[in-house]
Amino acid sequence: MADNVVQSTVVSLAFVLFLLFDVGLNLDSGVIPVYLYAISDQFKLSRFSQGVLGSLSPAGFAVSTIVCSYVLRHYSPKAVLILCLFMAVIANLTFALSTNWFLFYSSRFLFGAFLAAFFIYVPVWTDEFAPSRFRTRWIGLVQACAPLGVILGFIFSGLLIDYQLSWRLAIIFQSGIILLCVIGLCLCPRRFIDIEEDRVYPSVVPKTPEFSSLGSSTRLKWQTDIGSPYTSFVEPRNSIGGHSKRCLSLDDAEDNSISPMLLGNGRVAEETSCLLDNANDSSSHDIRDDFSNSRLLSFATVSSNNFARGLYAIEQSLNYAASGIYCFWKELSILISNRLWFCCCLTLAFLFFTIEGIRYWVVVYRQEVYLDGLSNIVLVYVIVSVTAPITGVLVGGHLIDSLGGYKQPEALSRSLEVICLFGFLAFIPAWICVLKSFSNLLLFGISLWLIIFFGAAMVAPLTGIMVSVVSYEHRSVSSAMSLLINHIFGYFAAPLVTGSISQLYGIRIGFPCILLLGSLSLLFVIFGLVYNYRQLKSFHSQENPTNQPCHNWMTS
């Protein structure tokens, strides 16, 4: 009993630490929009360049997502998180201290790239460690901390502007908060951060029929050995020549000792072995017959050996990269074939497109079009951001939990119906803002509040459904792919698309386009609801004599 209490306490503390991380990592999302005019004047940014600045961090995040899903499954997630978040601190400090355009842009890209591992892993960790009764609410809290960080960034930037302080101070302050959280993560026991390998990170290759030819063990068979899970094709050095004497053949590929697509690495091992044998044989012959200068012969032998080793090292690196990319695309195709997962993912992407576009451009839009004061805009948006997303996430999560969650087929249908209702209620004020632009800042703020509230109420259940409708071995990749799609079509697209439209037609036209494109989220959630109805009807119509669990059809 005491052990359970201690474990629950440590898990709760780890969860609080992750929430603090989530807040700290999003502070810059509130700082940059408030200081956008000052930054633009300092670096001479056009409207399109302003959009590029807002899109660089999501772009780095999207690129890094492809690698992080592979890394998190092969190394300790705690170690990966500590390394990536520490590098994020360095990139953020570089951005704060930059004086030329190259460091200015590249540091923003790298900052987003180093954040990917954290945001990929947290939903998976929460789904695994959260108490079953509060799982959706925990996921909701994780989602709520992102807008909370943005809010605090807005408030802190507003205070700095009142005292005529630079935007660089705000970024340095954010870096200090992240660094303190990294120290706290180092102190957490590993068993409360890492998830069991056989459940979440069981294989480089999914355990599906398509991958049966590549082996069904925990890792690829050519990676498995007694000494280390990452042994190469070349065996340990022997006592005579100090090099491998093993050559691989096509027979190895036929009996699945290696992957057929990766046989190129075996050929390099064979070439390496043959080169080394020839070098040793020629050295003994030449010493007896031809060469009198032993130093010259030694140099030639070492050169050939070094060339063979270098060739093998290059091929091995390419082999690992090729296997990671190959498995990434195969798993992505499996996830996209899950239509419910895909519809939920696109729904979230366009929701985030709307929220990110509003956050990034609302200050510029109200200042240029309606000549509102900066302090009034910040005040209204902070009130909206404090109350709407956090309340919406908590209300949405509580309502879904009250209706039975989303783990069972019937409960999943009810959850999708509620999500569809939320989407429709967010759709109405968005179109009112498009058709009738509110010059009154208060009415404009009320419309934004309704849009963000009902949109945020959809986030927690959609995130939980996306995790639950895929099998365990695909969950980390599911989290990575959802973040990738959300950042490409949401966070990356919103500043860039709106900036491009504003460059051509002005911000008066660009800002309403955010609300128009965000309305597509309602369309995709309706597609998901219709597909789920068909799946549920087919599930009830089929006989189930073996009493298989209901979860099987959800993950198919």
Protein backbone atom coordinates (compact mmCIF):
# COMPACT_ATOMS: atom_id res chain seq x y z
CA MET A 1 0.00 0.00 0.00
CA ALA A 2 2.81 2.38 0.90
CA ASP A 3 4.60 1.60 -2.36
CA ASN A 4 1.46 2.47 -4.32
CA VAL A 5 1.18 5.80 -2.53
CA VAL A 6 4.84 6.61 -3.23
CA GLN A 7 4.49 5.60 -6.87
CA SER A 8 1.34 7.70 -7.31
CA THR A 9 3.07 10.68 -5.68
CA VAL A 10 6.14 10.44 -7.92
CA VAL A 11 4.00 10.04 -11.04
CA SER A 12 1.98 13.10 -10.04
CA LEU A 13 5.16 15.10 -9.50
CA ALA A 14 6.49 14.00 -12.88
CA PHE A 15 3.21 15.07 -14.44
CA VAL A 16 3.47 18.49 -12.79
CA LEU A 17 7.01 18.80 -14.13
CA PHE A 18 5.79 18.03 -17.64
CA LEU A 19 3.10 20.68 -17.24
CA LEU A 20 5.73 23.24 -16.24
CA PHE A 21 7.75 22.23 -19.29
CA ASP A 22 4.69 22.72 -21.46
CA VAL A 23 4.13 26.22 -20.10
CA GLY A 24 7.76 27.26 -20.41
CA LEU A 25 8.22 25.96 -23.93
CA ASN A 26 5.27 28.05 -25.18
CA LEU A 27 6.23 31.40 -23.66
CA ASP A 28 7.89 32.56 -26.89
CA SER A 29 4.59 32.02 -28.73
CA GLY A 30 3.20 34.94 -26.74
CA VAL A 31 6.34 37.07 -26.79
CA ILE A 32 6.92 37.21 -30.56
CA PRO A 33 3.41 38.40 -31.61
CA VAL A 34 3.51 41.27 -29.09
CA TYR A 35 7.02 42.31 -30.16
CA LEU A 36 6.45 41.62 -33.87
CA TYR A 37 6.61 45.30 -34.83
CA ALA A 38 9.81 45.86 -32.83
CA ILE A 39 11.44 42.73 -34.26
CA SER A 40 10.39 43.72 -37.79
CA ASP A 41 11.90 47.18 -37.41
CA GLN A 42 15.15 45.77 -36.07
CA PHE A 43 15.60 43.13 -38.81
CA LYS A 44 13.66 44.93 -41.62
CA LEU A 45 11.04 42.21 -42.08
CA SER A 46 8.26 42.37 -44.67
CA ARG A 47 4.82 40.90 -44.03
CA PHE A 48 5.86 37.66 -45.69
CA SER A 49 9.08 37.56 -43.65
CA GLN A 50 7.02 37.98 -40.50
CA GLY A 51 5.06 34.91 -41.52
CA VAL A 52 8.28 33.01 -42.18
CA LEU A 53 9.51 33.90 -38.69
CA GLY A 54 6.36 32.40 -37.20
CA SER A 55 6.64 29.26 -39.35
CA LEU A 56 10.30 28.40 -38.75
CA SER A 57 9.83 26.81 -35.32
CA PRO A 58 6.94 24.57 -36.50
CA ALA A 59 8.99 23.68 -39.59
CA GLY A 60 11.90 22.50 -37.44
CA PHE A 61 9.45 20.61 -35.27
CA ALA A 62 7.95 18.84 -38.29
CA VAL A 63 11.35 17.81 -39.67
CA SER A 64 12.56 16.57 -36.29
CA THR A 65 9.39 14.52 -35.76
CA ILE A 66 10.52 12.03 -38.40
CA VAL A 67 13.71 11.29 -36.47
CA CYS A 68 12.35 11.51 -32.93
CA SER A 69 9.86 8.67 -33.26
CA TYR A 70 12.78 6.38 -34.20
CA VAL A 71 15.12 7.69 -31.50
CA LEU A 72 12.57 7.44 -28.69
CA ARG A 73 12.06 3.77 -29.43
CA HIS A 74 15.75 2.87 -29.31
CA TYR A 75 17.06 4.93 -26.42
CA SER A 76 15.89 5.95 -22.97
CA PRO A 77 13.17 8.60 -23.38
CA LYS A 78 14.44 10.35 -20.27
CA ALA A 79 17.94 10.70 -21.73
CA VAL A 80 16.55 11.86 -25.09
CA LEU A 81 14.34 14.47 -23.42
CA ILE A 82 17.17 15.84 -21.29
CA LEU A 83 19.51 16.16 -24.28
CA CYS A 84 16.94 17.70 -26.63
CA LEU A 85 15.59 20.19 -24.09
CA PHE A 86 19.08 21.31 -23.11
CA MET A 87 19.89 21.91 -26.78
CA ALA A 88 16.61 23.84 -27.06
CA VAL A 89 17.86 26.15 -24.30
CA ILE A 90 21.06 26.81 -26.27
CA ALA A 91 19.12 27.50 -29.49
CA ASN A 92 16.75 29.86 -27.68
CA LEU A 93 19.63 31.80 -26.13
CA THR A 94 21.22 32.05 -29.59
CA PHE A 95 17.98 33.54 -30.93
CA ALA A 96 17.85 36.05 -28.07
CA LEU A 97 21.44 37.19 -28.65
CA SER A 98 21.50 37.06 -32.46
CA THR A 99 22.40 40.16 -34.46
CA ASN A 100 22.43 38.79 -38.03
CA TRP A 101 19.70 37.20 -40.08
CA PHE A 102 21.32 33.74 -40.34
CA LEU A 103 21.49 33.11 -36.59
CA PHE A 104 18.12 34.82 -36.20
CA TYR A 105 16.33 32.38 -38.53
CA SER A 106 18.36 29.20 -37.97
CA SER A 107 18.06 29.36 -34.17
CA ARG A 108 14.27 29.52 -34.44
CA PHE A 109 14.30 26.47 -36.69
CA LEU A 110 16.56 24.54 -34.31
CA PHE A 111 14.50 25.53 -31.28
CA GLY A 112 11.42 23.94 -32.82
CA ALA A 113 13.42 20.88 -33.88
CA PHE A 114 14.64 20.16 -30.34
CA LEU A 115 11.12 20.45 -28.89
CA ALA A 116 9.72 17.59 -30.97
CA ALA A 117 10.82 14.76 -28.65
CA PHE A 118 9.04 16.31 -25.66
CA PHE A 119 5.71 16.92 -27.38
CA ILE A 120 5.78 13.48 -29.01
CA TYR A 121 6.41 11.64 -25.77
CA VAL A 122 4.15 13.49 -23.32
CA PRO A 123 0.77 12.27 -24.72
CA VAL A 124 2.06 8.68 -24.77
CA TRP A 125 3.42 9.01 -21.22
CA THR A 126 0.15 10.54 -20.00
CA ASP A 127 -1.97 7.81 -21.57
CA GLU A 128 0.22 5.18 -19.90
CA PHE A 129 0.73 6.62 -16.41
CA ALA A 130 -2.48 8.60 -15.84
CA PRO A 131 -5.12 7.08 -13.51
CA SER A 132 -7.87 5.51 -15.59
CA ARG A 133 -10.58 7.71 -14.09
CA PHE A 134 -8.71 10.92 -14.92
CA ARG A 135 -6.96 9.98 -18.16
CA THR A 136 -8.86 12.40 -20.40
CA ARG A 137 -8.55 15.17 -17.84
CA TRP A 138 -4.79 14.68 -17.61
CA ILE A 139 -4.55 14.87 -21.39
CA GLY A 140 -6.73 17.97 -21.21
CA LEU A 141 -4.37 19.58 -18.70
CA VAL A 142 -1.44 18.88 -21.01
CA GLN A 143 -3.31 20.57 -23.84
CA ALA A 144 -4.36 23.47 -21.60
CA CYS A 145 -0.80 24.30 -20.56
CA ALA A 146 0.16 25.28 -24.12
CA PRO A 147 -2.26 28.23 -24.28
CA LEU A 148 -1.40 29.05 -20.68
CA GLY A 149 2.22 29.48 -21.72
CA VAL A 150 1.13 31.72 -24.60
CA ILE A 151 -0.96 33.81 -22.20
CA LEU A 152 1.91 34.26 -19.78
CA GLY A 153 4.10 35.23 -22.73
CA PHE A 154 1.58 37.91 -23.73
CA ILE A 155 1.33 39.25 -20.17
CA PHE A 156 5.07 39.25 -19.58
CA SER A 157 5.74 40.97 -22.93
CA GLY A 158 3.11 43.61 -22.19
CA LEU A 159 4.82 44.38 -18.89
CA LEU A 160 8.22 44.61 -20.57
CA ILE A 161 6.86 46.99 -23.21
CA ASP A 162 5.43 49.24 -20.49
CA TYR A 163 8.93 49.51 -19.04
CA GLN A 164 10.43 49.84 -22.57
CA LEU A 165 12.51 46.70 -22.24
CA SER A 166 13.71 44.53 -25.15
CA TRP A 167 12.14 41.34 -26.42
CA ARG A 168 15.49 39.62 -25.90
CA LEU A 169 15.01 39.75 -22.13
CA ALA A 170 11.77 37.76 -22.43
CA ILE A 171 13.46 35.03 -24.47
CA ILE A 172 16.34 34.80 -21.99
CA PHE A 173 13.82 34.49 -19.15
CA GLN A 174 12.12 31.62 -21.01
CA SER A 175 15.46 29.84 -21.44
CA GLY A 176 16.10 30.04 -17.70
CA ILE A 177 12.73 28.44 -16.91
CA ILE A 178 13.35 25.58 -19.34
CA LEU A 179 16.81 25.00 -17.87
CA LEU A 180 15.39 24.70 -14.34
CA CYS A 181 12.86 22.15 -15.58
CA VAL A 182 15.65 20.16 -17.24
CA ILE A 183 17.42 19.97 -13.89
CA GLY A 184 14.20 18.71 -12.30
CA LEU A 185 13.84 16.06 -15.00
CA CYS A 186 17.37 14.83 -14.27
CA LEU A 187 16.31 14.20 -10.66
CA CYS A 188 13.25 12.09 -11.58
CA PRO A 189 13.71 8.30 -11.34
CA ARG A 190 13.97 6.73 -14.77
CA ARG A 191 11.28 4.11 -14.16
CA PHE A 192 8.68 6.88 -13.75
CA ILE A 193 9.65 8.54 -17.02
CA ASP A 194 10.41 5.63 -19.37
CA ILE A 195 7.62 3.34 -20.54
CA GLU A 196 8.01 -0.41 -20.89
CA GLU A 197 9.78 -1.23 -24.13
CA ASP A 198 7.57 -4.17 -25.06
CA ARG A 199 4.44 -2.05 -24.91
CA VAL A 200 5.23 1.27 -26.52
CA TYR A 201 8.57 0.78 -28.20
CA PRO A 202 8.59 -2.89 -29.16
CA SER A 203 10.06 -2.80 -32.62
CA VAL A 204 11.60 -0.78 -35.37
CA VAL A 205 9.17 -2.61 -37.62
CA PRO A 206 5.44 -2.83 -36.81
CA LYS A 207 4.12 -6.32 -36.08
CA THR A 208 1.86 -6.49 -39.09
CA PRO A 209 1.56 -8.99 -41.95
CA GLU A 210 3.24 -6.55 -44.32
CA PHE A 211 6.43 -6.77 -42.29
CA SER A 212 6.50 -10.52 -41.74
CA SER A 213 9.30 -10.92 -44.24
CA LEU A 214 11.51 -8.67 -42.13
CA GLY A 215 11.18 -10.76 -38.98
CA SER A 216 8.87 -10.51 -36.00
CA SER A 217 11.34 -10.25 -33.13
CA THR A 218 11.62 -7.28 -30.81
CA ARG A 219 14.19 -5.74 -33.11
CA LEU A 220 15.35 -6.62 -36.58
CA LYS A 221 17.15 -9.96 -36.36
CA TRP A 222 20.34 -8.59 -37.79
CA GLN A 223 20.47 -6.15 -34.88
CA THR A 224 20.04 -8.80 -32.20
CA ASP A 225 22.97 -10.41 -30.44
CA ILE A 226 23.94 -11.55 -26.97
CA GLY A 227 26.38 -8.76 -26.40
CA SER A 228 24.39 -5.78 -27.66
CA PRO A 229 21.12 -5.06 -29.45
CA TYR A 230 22.99 -2.91 -31.94
CA THR A 231 25.65 -5.25 -33.25
CA SER A 232 26.78 -4.74 -36.79
CA PHE A 233 27.23 -7.27 -39.55
CA VAL A 234 30.94 -7.48 -38.86
CA GLU A 235 31.90 -9.80 -36.03
CA PRO A 236 34.40 -8.83 -33.29
CA ARG A 237 38.03 -8.65 -34.19
CA ASN A 238 39.99 -11.88 -34.01
CA SER A 239 43.34 -12.36 -32.39
CA ILE A 240 45.36 -12.66 -35.62
CA GLY A 241 44.45 -9.94 -38.04
CA GLY A 242 42.37 -7.80 -35.74
CA HIS A 243 39.50 -7.67 -38.26
CA SER A 244 36.32 -9.46 -39.24
CA LYS A 245 36.53 -12.62 -41.35
CA ARG A 246 32.79 -13.02 -41.85
CA CYS A 247 31.22 -12.72 -45.29
CA LEU A 248 27.44 -12.55 -45.75
CA SER A 249 25.58 -14.11 -48.62
CA LEU A 250 22.09 -14.25 -50.06
CA ASP A 251 21.38 -17.25 -47.86
CA ASP A 252 21.35 -14.93 -44.86
CA ALA A 253 18.58 -12.90 -46.44
CA GLU A 254 16.55 -15.98 -47.34
CA ASP A 255 16.42 -17.30 -43.79
CA ASN A 256 15.65 -13.78 -42.39
CA SER A 257 18.97 -13.38 -40.60
CA ILE A 258 19.06 -9.93 -42.22
CA SER A 259 16.57 -7.76 -44.01
CA PRO A 260 16.60 -8.38 -47.80
CA MET A 261 16.37 -4.67 -48.50
CA LEU A 262 19.47 -4.04 -46.37
CA LEU A 263 21.69 -6.65 -47.97
CA GLY A 264 23.89 -3.88 -49.31
CA ASN A 265 25.46 -3.64 -45.88
CA GLY A 266 26.28 -7.34 -46.08
CA ARG A 267 28.00 -6.79 -49.39
CA VAL A 268 30.16 -4.13 -47.86
CA ALA A 269 31.04 -6.52 -45.05
CA GLU A 270 32.04 -9.06 -47.68
CA GLU A 271 34.07 -6.50 -49.59
CA THR A 272 35.67 -5.38 -46.34
CA SER A 273 36.64 -8.91 -45.43
CA CYS A 274 38.02 -9.64 -48.90
CA LEU A 275 40.01 -6.39 -48.95
CA LEU A 276 41.53 -7.19 -45.58
CA ASP A 277 42.36 -10.77 -46.61
CA ASN A 278 44.00 -9.56 -49.81
CA ALA A 279 45.92 -6.94 -47.90
CA ASN A 280 47.27 -9.51 -45.43
CA ASP A 281 48.09 -12.08 -48.15
CA SER A 282 49.83 -9.52 -50.33
CA SER A 283 51.80 -8.22 -47.40
CA SER A 284 53.29 -11.64 -46.59
CA HIS A 285 54.09 -12.33 -50.27
CA ASP A 286 55.65 -8.97 -50.88
CA ILE A 287 57.82 -9.16 -47.80
CA ARG A 288 59.35 -12.44 -49.02
CA ASP A 289 59.77 -11.57 -52.68
CA ASP A 290 59.39 -8.00 -53.81
CA PHE A 291 59.74 -5.34 -51.18
CA SER A 292 62.75 -4.43 -49.22
CA ASN A 293 61.23 -1.37 -47.61
CA SER A 294 58.96 -2.65 -44.82
CA ARG A 295 57.80 0.87 -43.92
CA LEU A 296 56.32 1.39 -47.38
CA LEU A 297 54.51 -1.95 -47.19
CA SER A 298 53.17 -1.16 -43.73
CA PHE A 299 51.84 2.18 -45.00
CA ALA A 300 50.09 0.51 -47.96
CA THR A 301 48.50 -2.16 -45.77
CA VAL A 302 47.24 0.34 -43.20
CA SER A 303 45.84 2.56 -45.95
CA SER A 304 43.88 -0.27 -47.52
CA ASN A 305 42.55 -1.34 -44.12
CA ASN A 306 41.50 2.20 -43.25
CA PHE A 307 39.80 2.55 -46.61
CA ALA A 308 37.84 -0.65 -46.00
CA ARG A 309 36.82 0.43 -42.52
CA GLY A 310 35.73 3.85 -43.75
CA LEU A 311 33.73 2.31 -46.57
CA TYR A 312 31.98 -0.01 -44.16
CA ALA A 313 31.25 2.81 -41.67
CA ILE A 314 29.67 4.96 -44.37
CA GLU A 315 27.55 2.10 -45.63
CA GLN A 316 26.47 1.17 -42.11
CA SER A 317 25.35 4.76 -41.42
CA LEU A 318 23.39 4.85 -44.64
CA ASN A 319 21.90 1.48 -43.75
CA TYR A 320 20.58 2.73 -40.43
CA ALA A 321 19.17 5.87 -42.05
CA ALA A 322 17.53 3.87 -44.84
CA SER A 323 15.93 1.43 -42.40
CA GLY A 324 14.56 4.29 -40.30
CA ILE A 325 13.10 6.12 -43.29
CA TYR A 326 11.68 2.91 -44.76
CA CYS A 327 9.95 1.93 -41.53
CA PHE A 328 8.75 5.49 -41.01
CA TRP A 329 6.91 5.55 -44.30
CA LYS A 330 5.50 2.06 -43.82
CA GLU A 331 4.12 2.95 -40.41
CA LEU A 332 2.77 6.24 -41.76
CA SER A 333 0.87 4.33 -44.45
CA ILE A 334 -0.58 2.05 -41.77
CA LEU A 335 -1.76 5.03 -39.72
CA ILE A 336 -3.29 6.83 -42.69
CA SER A 337 -5.19 3.65 -43.59
CA ASN A 338 -6.91 4.02 -40.20
CA ARG A 339 -9.56 6.47 -41.40
CA LEU A 340 -10.83 7.46 -37.98
CA TRP A 341 -7.29 8.34 -36.87
CA PHE A 342 -6.73 10.31 -40.07
CA CYS A 343 -9.98 12.30 -39.75
CA CYS A 344 -9.27 13.16 -36.12
CA CYS A 345 -5.73 14.21 -37.04
CA LEU A 346 -6.88 16.59 -39.79
CA THR A 347 -9.59 17.98 -37.51
CA LEU A 348 -6.94 18.90 -34.96
CA ALA A 349 -4.67 20.31 -37.67
CA PHE A 350 -7.25 22.84 -38.86
CA LEU A 351 -8.23 23.67 -35.29
CA PHE A 352 -4.61 24.52 -34.55
CA PHE A 353 -4.43 26.46 -37.81
CA THR A 354 -7.19 28.75 -36.55
CA ILE A 355 -5.84 29.11 -33.01
CA GLU A 356 -2.27 29.73 -34.19
CA GLY A 357 -3.34 32.20 -36.86
CA ILE A 358 -5.41 34.19 -34.36
CA ARG A 359 -2.57 34.21 -31.84
CA TYR A 360 0.08 35.34 -34.29
CA TRP A 361 -1.80 37.98 -36.27
CA VAL A 362 -4.48 39.39 -33.93
CA VAL A 363 -2.29 42.23 -32.62
CA VAL A 364 -1.21 43.38 -36.09
CA TYR A 365 -4.78 42.98 -37.45
CA ARG A 366 -6.46 45.11 -34.79
CA GLN A 367 -3.70 47.72 -34.80
CA GLU A 368 -3.60 48.27 -38.56
CA VAL A 369 -7.26 47.82 -39.51
CA TYR A 370 -9.11 49.28 -36.50
CA LEU A 371 -6.30 51.33 -34.90
CA ASP A 372 -6.83 49.79 -31.45
CA GLY A 373 -4.24 50.46 -28.80
CA LEU A 374 -1.67 47.75 -28.05
CA SER A 375 -2.53 47.62 -24.35
CA ASN A 376 -6.26 47.15 -25.10
CA ILE A 377 -5.58 44.39 -27.62
CA VAL A 378 -3.27 42.56 -25.21
CA LEU A 379 -5.79 42.90 -22.38
CA VAL A 380 -8.72 41.52 -24.41
CA TYR A 381 -6.70 38.69 -25.93
CA VAL A 382 -5.21 37.73 -22.56
CA ILE A 383 -8.70 37.52 -21.02
CA VAL A 384 -9.89 35.41 -23.95
CA SER A 385 -6.80 33.19 -23.83
CA VAL A 386 -6.91 32.74 -20.06
CA THR A 387 -10.54 31.67 -19.90
CA ALA A 388 -11.50 30.15 -23.27
CA PRO A 389 -8.94 27.40 -24.03
CA ILE A 390 -8.38 26.21 -20.48
CA THR A 391 -12.10 26.16 -19.68
CA GLY A 392 -12.88 24.52 -23.01
CA VAL A 393 -10.31 21.77 -22.58
CA LEU A 394 -11.43 20.97 -19.05
CA VAL A 395 -15.15 21.07 -19.92
CA GLY A 396 -14.62 18.89 -22.99
CA GLY A 397 -12.56 16.34 -21.09
CA HIS A 398 -14.99 16.22 -18.15
CA LEU A 399 -18.02 15.81 -20.42
CA ILE A 400 -16.42 12.97 -22.38
CA ASP A 401 -15.40 11.20 -19.16
CA SER A 402 -18.94 11.59 -17.81
CA LEU A 403 -20.36 9.95 -20.93
CA GLY A 404 -18.10 6.90 -20.55
CA GLY A 405 -14.91 7.94 -22.31
CA TYR A 406 -13.95 6.62 -25.73
CA LYS A 407 -12.45 3.17 -25.11
CA GLN A 408 -15.55 1.16 -26.09
CA PRO A 409 -17.31 1.35 -29.49
CA GLU A 410 -20.60 2.81 -28.21
CA ALA A 411 -18.78 5.31 -25.99
CA LEU A 412 -16.58 6.28 -28.93
CA SER A 413 -19.67 7.08 -31.01
CA ARG A 414 -21.09 9.27 -28.25
CA SER A 415 -17.78 11.08 -27.93
CA LEU A 416 -17.64 11.81 -31.66
CA GLU A 417 -21.20 13.15 -31.57
CA VAL A 418 -20.27 15.54 -28.78
CA ILE A 419 -17.12 16.61 -30.66
CA CYS A 420 -19.22 17.27 -33.76
CA LEU A 421 -21.55 19.45 -31.69
CA PHE A 422 -18.60 21.43 -30.36
CA GLY A 423 -17.33 21.93 -33.90
CA PHE A 424 -20.69 23.27 -35.07
CA LEU A 425 -20.88 25.71 -32.14
CA ALA A 426 -17.39 26.99 -33.00
CA PHE A 427 -18.33 27.23 -36.67
CA ILE A 428 -21.14 29.77 -36.10
CA PRO A 429 -19.17 32.68 -34.52
CA ALA A 430 -16.30 32.11 -36.96
CA TRP A 431 -18.53 32.78 -39.94
CA ILE A 432 -20.17 35.73 -38.18
CA CYS A 433 -16.70 37.30 -37.85
CA VAL A 434 -16.03 36.67 -41.54
CA LEU A 435 -19.35 38.07 -42.81
CA LYS A 436 -19.53 41.00 -40.37
CA SER A 437 -16.22 42.33 -39.14
CA PHE A 438 -16.57 43.77 -35.65
CA SER A 439 -15.01 47.19 -35.26
CA ASN A 440 -15.89 47.03 -31.58
CA LEU A 441 -13.03 45.29 -29.77
CA LEU A 442 -15.32 43.83 -27.09
CA LEU A 443 -17.64 42.11 -29.58
CA PHE A 444 -14.63 40.86 -31.48
CA GLY A 445 -13.22 39.42 -28.25
CA ILE A 446 -16.51 37.63 -27.45
CA SER A 447 -16.52 36.01 -30.89
CA LEU A 448 -12.93 34.86 -30.43
CA TRP A 449 -13.82 33.49 -26.99
CA LEU A 450 -16.60 31.30 -28.42
CA ILE A 451 -14.41 30.06 -31.27
CA ILE A 452 -11.50 29.16 -28.99
CA PHE A 453 -13.69 27.70 -26.21
CA PHE A 454 -15.57 25.21 -28.40
CA GLY A 455 -12.46 24.46 -30.43
CA ALA A 456 -10.48 23.71 -27.26
CA ALA A 457 -13.27 21.45 -26.00
CA MET A 458 -12.59 19.21 -29.01
CA VAL A 459 -8.84 18.91 -28.43
CA ALA A 460 -8.65 16.56 -25.40
CA PRO A 461 -11.11 13.90 -26.64
CA LEU A 462 -9.67 13.97 -30.16
CA THR A 463 -6.15 13.49 -28.78
CA GLY A 464 -7.25 10.59 -26.61
CA ILE A 465 -9.17 8.94 -29.46
CA MET A 466 -6.13 9.12 -31.73
CA VAL A 467 -4.05 7.32 -29.12
CA SER A 468 -6.67 4.68 -28.34
CA VAL A 469 -7.59 3.65 -31.90
CA VAL A 470 -4.09 2.40 -32.73
CA SER A 471 -2.29 -0.63 -31.33
CA TYR A 472 0.42 -0.34 -28.67
CA GLU A 473 3.36 -0.77 -31.00
CA HIS A 474 2.16 2.14 -33.13
CA ARG A 475 1.31 4.60 -30.37
CA SER A 476 4.60 6.48 -30.26
CA VAL A 477 4.56 6.75 -34.06
CA SER A 478 0.90 7.83 -33.90
CA SER A 479 1.83 10.64 -31.52
CA ALA A 480 4.75 11.63 -33.74
CA MET A 481 2.70 11.58 -36.94
CA SER A 482 -0.18 13.55 -35.43
CA LEU A 483 2.25 16.22 -34.27
CA LEU A 484 3.89 16.24 -37.69
CA ILE A 485 0.58 16.77 -39.48
CA ASN A 486 -0.61 19.31 -36.92
CA HIS A 487 2.55 21.35 -37.29
CA ILE A 488 2.61 21.23 -41.09
CA PHE A 489 -1.07 22.07 -41.68
CA GLY A 490 -1.59 24.02 -38.46
CA TYR A 491 1.28 25.84 -36.76
CA PHE A 492 3.51 26.05 -39.84
CA ALA A 493 0.80 26.93 -42.35
CA ALA A 494 -1.09 29.56 -40.32
CA PRO A 495 1.59 32.30 -40.13
CA LEU A 496 2.98 31.55 -43.59
CA VAL A 497 -0.34 31.36 -45.49
CA THR A 498 -1.77 34.39 -43.74
CA GLY A 499 1.47 36.34 -44.26
CA SER A 500 1.45 35.48 -47.97
CA ILE A 501 -2.17 36.59 -48.38
CA SER A 502 -1.50 39.74 -46.36
CA GLN A 503 1.55 40.53 -48.52
CA LEU A 504 -0.69 40.46 -51.61
CA TYR A 505 -4.06 41.75 -50.36
CA GLY A 506 -3.42 43.21 -46.93
CA ILE A 507 -4.08 42.00 -43.41
CA ARG A 508 -7.78 42.97 -43.68
CA ILE A 509 -8.24 40.05 -46.08
CA GLY A 510 -5.61 37.75 -44.60
CA PHE A 511 -7.04 37.52 -41.08
CA PRO A 512 -10.60 36.40 -42.07
CA CYS A 513 -9.01 33.66 -44.21
CA ILE A 514 -7.77 32.10 -40.98
CA LEU A 515 -11.35 31.60 -39.81
CA LEU A 516 -12.52 30.37 -43.21
CA LEU A 517 -9.86 27.67 -43.50
CA GLY A 518 -10.33 26.67 -39.86
CA SER A 519 -13.93 25.79 -40.63
CA LEU A 520 -12.68 22.71 -42.47
CA SER A 521 -12.18 21.05 -39.07
CA LEU A 522 -15.95 20.60 -38.81
CA LEU A 523 -15.98 18.83 -42.17
CA PHE A 524 -13.38 16.27 -41.14
CA VAL A 525 -14.99 15.50 -37.78
CA ILE A 526 -18.24 14.79 -39.64
CA PHE A 527 -16.35 12.39 -41.92
CA GLY A 528 -14.95 10.63 -38.86
CA LEU A 529 -18.40 10.36 -37.27
CA VAL A 530 -19.93 8.85 -40.43
CA TYR A 531 -17.07 6.35 -40.75
CA ASN A 532 -17.42 5.34 -37.11
CA TYR A 533 -21.17 4.78 -37.58
CA ARG A 534 -20.44 2.41 -40.45
CA GLN A 535 -17.79 0.55 -38.46
CA LEU A 536 -20.10 0.22 -35.46
CA LYS A 537 -22.94 -1.07 -37.62
CA SER A 538 -20.64 -3.63 -39.24
CA PHE A 539 -19.32 -4.64 -35.82
CA HIS A 540 -22.81 -5.35 -34.45
CA SER A 541 -23.89 -7.21 -37.57
CA GLN A 542 -21.01 -9.68 -37.48
CA GLU A 543 -20.99 -12.77 -35.34
CA ASN A 544 -18.18 -12.99 -32.80
CA PRO A 545 -17.98 -16.61 -31.59
CA THR A 546 -14.41 -16.27 -30.24
CA ASN A 547 -15.38 -13.33 -27.99
CA GLN A 548 -12.61 -11.12 -29.26
CA PRO A 549 -12.34 -7.76 -27.49
CA CYS A 550 -14.11 -4.80 -29.02
CA HIS A 551 -10.85 -2.89 -29.32
CA ASN A 552 -9.74 -4.93 -32.34
CA TRP A 553 -12.02 -3.22 -34.83
CA MET A 554 -11.01 0.19 -33.57
CA THR A 555 -7.34 -0.39 -34.32
CA SER A 556 -7.89 -1.94 -37.75
